[in-house]
Amino acid sequence: MTELNFQQVLQQSSQAFAILDTERTIRYVNPAFCSLFGHEVQKVLGQSIDLIVPPDARDGPAGRAGNCQQLLVRPFQGEVRRMRQDGSTITVMLHCSVLRNDHGLAEGYVLSYTDIADRKATELALQQANEQLSLALDASQLSLWDMDILQDTAIMDARWGRMLGYPATAQSMRASSMLEAVHPDDYPRIYHASMEVLKGQNSRFQQEFRVRNAQNGWTWIRCTGKVVARNDAGVALRAIGTNQDITERKNSEALIVNAANNDWLTGLPNRFSLTHHLAAALARAQRHDKLVAVCMLDLDDFKPVNDTWGHQAGDYLLQELARRLQGLLRKTDFVARLGGDEFVIVMEDLPEEGTLTQLETAMQRLHRAVESPFLLGNHIEAEVGMTVGLSLFPHDGIEPDALMRQADAAMYQAKQHKSTRPRWWHMVGEESGYPAEESSHFEVYGREAAQLLRKSARLIQSAADRYVQQFYAQENAAFSIHAVLSSLGDEELQNLESAHRNFMLQVLSPDNSAEKIIQDSRRLGHTHSLVGVTPIMLVQSVELFRRTFSEQLNQTLLPIRQRYRLLEIIDRRLQDQLHAQLEASALVHARYLDSIALPMPHQGTLWAMQSTASWNSWAACPACRPCC
């Protein structure tokens, strides 16, 4: 084909072409070249091809030497930057080869240019999307996996290793090894769910289970996946999905259960557990014609420990006392902490004959808990005593509430006569004026409770003021709340303290119902979960209020019955609001996990449609609803 015929073919091409002589001078350009670079034909002919080469391009004037000689060996193909007539630059794919005559000698060069702007834009968008996906996965702690089922291989991204405490590198592993690492208690359920998905009985796998980690412990995982390829026989070929570390959420859920039944500070059962245990113990005693002793224990000289060395030292003493009590009591005995320095011991299976002798032996054993000093760190030793009030079923009462009130009254009387009492423990039957109580039901949200709360309004307000002051004090950094408060200004902090105090007063208001307290606490729990208030902080705050209120109550002259009732009311209402906040926080966390673990959209789904679906999912989350 002659050069003329060749040029006629190029005239009709949509590809941009240029023909140069051996000096890189333009001899011919086609219309597509002029359209791409914005030049007129007559103005480029005779010009150097450098006309469209930016000075700062890698193949510009500084890097041009030797290019032509290289073309004599092999053609060139690659991405280059070129300049339009208006000075703007574009990225094009350049193909360059040598034109030879009949004798094989070089006569010039043929250059073709392909505009790849759309392709580069797509590549850039894909790169940005991958970066955004990686950022989202890092933020949500999601790990991607891709499984070849027939080959028993799974490709795990680097986040999987980091999640389990291994080096953060992508890896290929046996797919079956993922099942082998599942906790034995979870394995049957996970295996069964996996088989259902592989067999097509379920379209999606979504399970929560424990996986062994690098520390030989267990990491809670939420795994979501589905089969994306099957052969003609319906056999699963490929599955993809995500893993998410939900250990923190599981710990929070465990904390909710623990907070409902156990004292946060000592780990002992709390008043709620005590009530259930004592009712069951009395039922057993009635069936087997046995006695049950209810011992109300209060420490002597405990307040000076707090006043001298601080509440942290006092807390450590209470923790050590709890350990000592558990080590001294029988397996059938039950010890619980009510709050402050008050404990209750329930002793079952006591015979009618020889009860006093058996109780004396038990009290001697119990007293050993305080006979040796408590080492509180920094070479600090503290010594405390104890006072116990003791009531017997069925002689002093037949219901848990009555027995505990009687034991509390006996303990209180023994403390009032500490200097003249014959011994440190006191039985109800030893003192006149404490007859056995008849059955009487007390409702903590009832009329009698409301009257007692109104009567104690000044005491409650004083306790709330002192509680808020201590909660926000700098020395209470152990509450870990200051990480949340550090972003607040002085005025904002004052407003928060006021709102905190008002909320506690509303919880203890005689006009507030259980339903209203739970409703308000759930709303507050939603907010707390979003600003970084953890379940541990909530539990610690309740513990602080209990302690503060008990200290204030001990300075009053309320009758024994009212004192016990008031503590019962306060404890129940604090528990109700705490559980409501913890449940709301767990719900927000769970809905968040559900929203970020949604399956990927089908190929071809419009971004606008997917965005709407994602926003609808977020809007359904309780945390995104208005708080008013």
Foldseek 3Di string as FASTA:
>chain_A
DDPVVVLVVVQPDLWWKFWAFLVQFTQDTHPNVCVVQVDDGVVRHRPHPLVFADCPWCCHPVNVPPPSVVLLVPWDWDWTWTAHPVGDIAIWIKTKHFDADPVRDGGTMMIITHGCRVVVVVVVVVVVVVVVVVVLCVVQLKKKKKAFVVVQKIWTAQSVQVQQVHGSHIDIDGNVVQLVQFDPVCNVVQVVLVVCQQQPVDFKDWDWTWGQGPVRDTFIKTKIKGQDDADPVSGGGMMMTMIHGCRQLVVLVVVLVQLLFAQPLQRAGEPNVVQVVVVVQLVVCVVVVAKKKKKKKAKAPLVVQCVPVHVLLSSQLLNLLSVLQVVQDDPQKGKGAHAARIIMIMDHDHHPPPNVVVVVVSVVSSQVSQPDWDDRDPRDTDGIGMAMFMEMPPFQHSHPVRRVLLRLQQRVVCVVPVPPDPDRYGYSVVDPPRGRDYDDDDDLLDDVVQVLLVVCVVLLLVLLVVLLVVLPDPVVCVLVCCVLVVVDDPVRVVVVSVVSSVLLCQLSHSPDDLVRLLVLLLLVLLVCLVSPNGLSSLSVSLSSSRNSSVVSLVPDDDDSSSSSSNSVSSVVSSSSSSSSSSVSSSQLVVLVSVLSRDDDDDPPDDPVVVVVVSVVSVCPRPSNDDSD
